[in-house]
């Protein structure tokens, strides 16, 4: 049976998503306005939203987002 390789994450999911959003925004800045740039900006927003949702789910109060 093939063993699955494991990787211990150093950063939390929220931190990794926030870094990915930042990286995507930086990459989008280098592109001219257009379809590719919009795709990268959309992915950045999705990563940022995922980070916020993950934070909210892990919070002790579980208050609905503002």
C-alpha atoms as a PDB file:
ATOM      1  CA  UNK A   1       0.000   0.000   0.000  1.00  0.00           C
ATOM      2  CA  UNK A   2       1.277   3.441  -0.903  1.00  0.00           C
ATOM      3  CA  UNK A   3       1.792   5.762   2.056  1.00  0.00           C
ATOM      4  CA  UNK A   4       0.599   9.312   1.829  1.00  0.00           C
ATOM      5  CA  UNK A   5       3.298  11.868   2.503  1.00  0.00           C
ATOM      6  CA  UNK A   6       2.459  14.281   5.296  1.00  0.00           C
ATOM      7  CA  UNK A   7       3.476  17.901   5.549  1.00  0.00           C
ATOM      8  CA  UNK A   8       3.259  19.860   8.791  1.00  0.00           C
ATOM      9  CA  UNK A   9       1.982  23.369   8.064  1.00  0.00           C
ATOM     10  CA  UNK A  10       3.977  26.104   9.762  1.00  0.00           C
ATOM     11  CA  UNK A  11       1.447  28.885   9.152  1.00  0.00           C
ATOM     12  CA  UNK A  12      -2.260  28.793   9.929  1.00  0.00           C
ATOM     13  CA  UNK A  13      -4.786  28.492   7.125  1.00  0.00           C
ATOM     14  CA  UNK A  14      -5.784  32.135   7.632  1.00  0.00           C
ATOM     15  CA  UNK A  15      -2.174  33.292   7.296  1.00  0.00           C
ATOM     16  CA  UNK A  16      -1.586  31.192   4.178  1.00  0.00           C
ATOM     17  CA  UNK A  17      -4.765  32.495   2.540  1.00  0.00           C
ATOM     18  CA  UNK A  18      -3.854  36.095   3.389  1.00  0.00           C
ATOM     19  CA  UNK A  19      -0.363  35.603   1.919  1.00  0.00           C
ATOM     20  CA  UNK A  20      -1.837  34.071  -1.228  1.00  0.00           C
ATOM     21  CA  UNK A  21      -4.233  37.019  -1.585  1.00  0.00           C
ATOM     22  CA  UNK A  22      -1.301  39.441  -1.247  1.00  0.00           C
ATOM     23  CA  UNK A  23       0.772  37.487  -3.786  1.00  0.00           C
ATOM     24  CA  UNK A  24      -2.097  37.476  -6.281  1.00  0.00           C
ATOM     25  CA  UNK A  25      -2.642  41.227  -5.879  1.00  0.00           C
ATOM     26  CA  UNK A  26       1.050  41.904  -6.452  1.00  0.00           C
ATOM     27  CA  UNK A  27       1.013  39.733  -9.569  1.00  0.00           C
ATOM     28  CA  UNK A  28      -2.131  41.482 -10.826  1.00  0.00           C
ATOM     29  CA  UNK A  29      -0.416  44.871 -10.486  1.00  0.00           C
ATOM     30  CA  UNK A  30       2.157  43.804 -13.073  1.00  0.00           C
ATOM     31  CA  UNK A  31      -0.508  43.023 -15.681  1.00  0.00           C
ATOM     32  CA  UNK A  32      -2.287  45.527 -17.902  1.00  0.00           C
ATOM     33  CA  UNK A  33      -6.021  46.004 -17.278  1.00  0.00           C
ATOM     34  CA  UNK A  34      -7.936  43.118 -18.768  1.00  0.00           C
ATOM     35  CA  UNK A  35      -9.277  39.636 -18.312  1.00  0.00           C
ATOM     36  CA  UNK A  36      -6.187  38.030 -16.724  1.00  0.00           C
ATOM     37  CA  UNK A  37      -5.849  40.828 -14.199  1.00  0.00           C
ATOM     38  CA  UNK A  38      -9.509  40.532 -13.221  1.00  0.00           C
ATOM     39  CA  UNK A  39      -9.142  36.771 -12.752  1.00  0.00           C
ATOM     40  CA  UNK A  40      -6.202  37.297 -10.373  1.00  0.00           C
ATOM     41  CA  UNK A  41      -8.075  39.986  -8.434  1.00  0.00           C
ATOM     42  CA  UNK A  42     -11.097  37.687  -8.118  1.00  0.00           C
ATOM     43  CA  UNK A  43      -8.891  34.882  -6.786  1.00  0.00           C
ATOM     44  CA  UNK A  44      -7.309  37.321  -4.312  1.00  0.00           C
ATOM     45  CA  UNK A  45     -10.750  38.351  -3.027  1.00  0.00           C
ATOM     46  CA  UNK A  46     -11.776  34.702  -2.698  1.00  0.00           C
ATOM     47  CA  UNK A  47      -8.634  33.882  -0.702  1.00  0.00           C
ATOM     48  CA  UNK A  48      -9.209  36.880   1.554  1.00  0.00           C
ATOM     49  CA  UNK A  49     -12.859  35.927   2.090  1.00  0.00           C
ATOM     50  CA  UNK A  50     -11.803  32.357   2.874  1.00  0.00           C
ATOM     51  CA  UNK A  51      -9.367  33.677   5.450  1.00  0.00           C
ATOM     52  CA  UNK A  52     -12.079  35.744   7.128  1.00  0.00           C
ATOM     53  CA  UNK A  53     -14.581  32.882   7.099  1.00  0.00           C
ATOM     54  CA  UNK A  54     -12.012  30.515   8.587  1.00  0.00           C
ATOM     55  CA  UNK A  55     -11.243  33.045  11.341  1.00  0.00           C
ATOM     56  CA  UNK A  56     -14.953  33.456  12.034  1.00  0.00           C
ATOM     57  CA  UNK A  57     -15.563  29.697  12.216  1.00  0.00           C
ATOM     58  CA  UNK A  58     -12.644  29.203  14.594  1.00  0.00           C
ATOM     59  CA  UNK A  59     -13.703  32.063  16.883  1.00  0.00           C
ATOM     60  CA  UNK A  60     -15.243  31.222  20.238  1.00  0.00           C
ATOM     61  CA  UNK A  61     -18.198  33.587  19.904  1.00  0.00           C
ATOM     62  CA  UNK A  62     -19.349  32.540  16.426  1.00  0.00           C
ATOM     63  CA  UNK A  63     -20.989  35.878  15.744  1.00  0.00           C
ATOM     64  CA  UNK A  64     -22.323  36.378  12.200  1.00  0.00           C
ATOM     65  CA  UNK A  65     -20.038  38.487   9.965  1.00  0.00           C
ATOM     66  CA  UNK A  66     -20.736  42.220   9.712  1.00  0.00           C
END
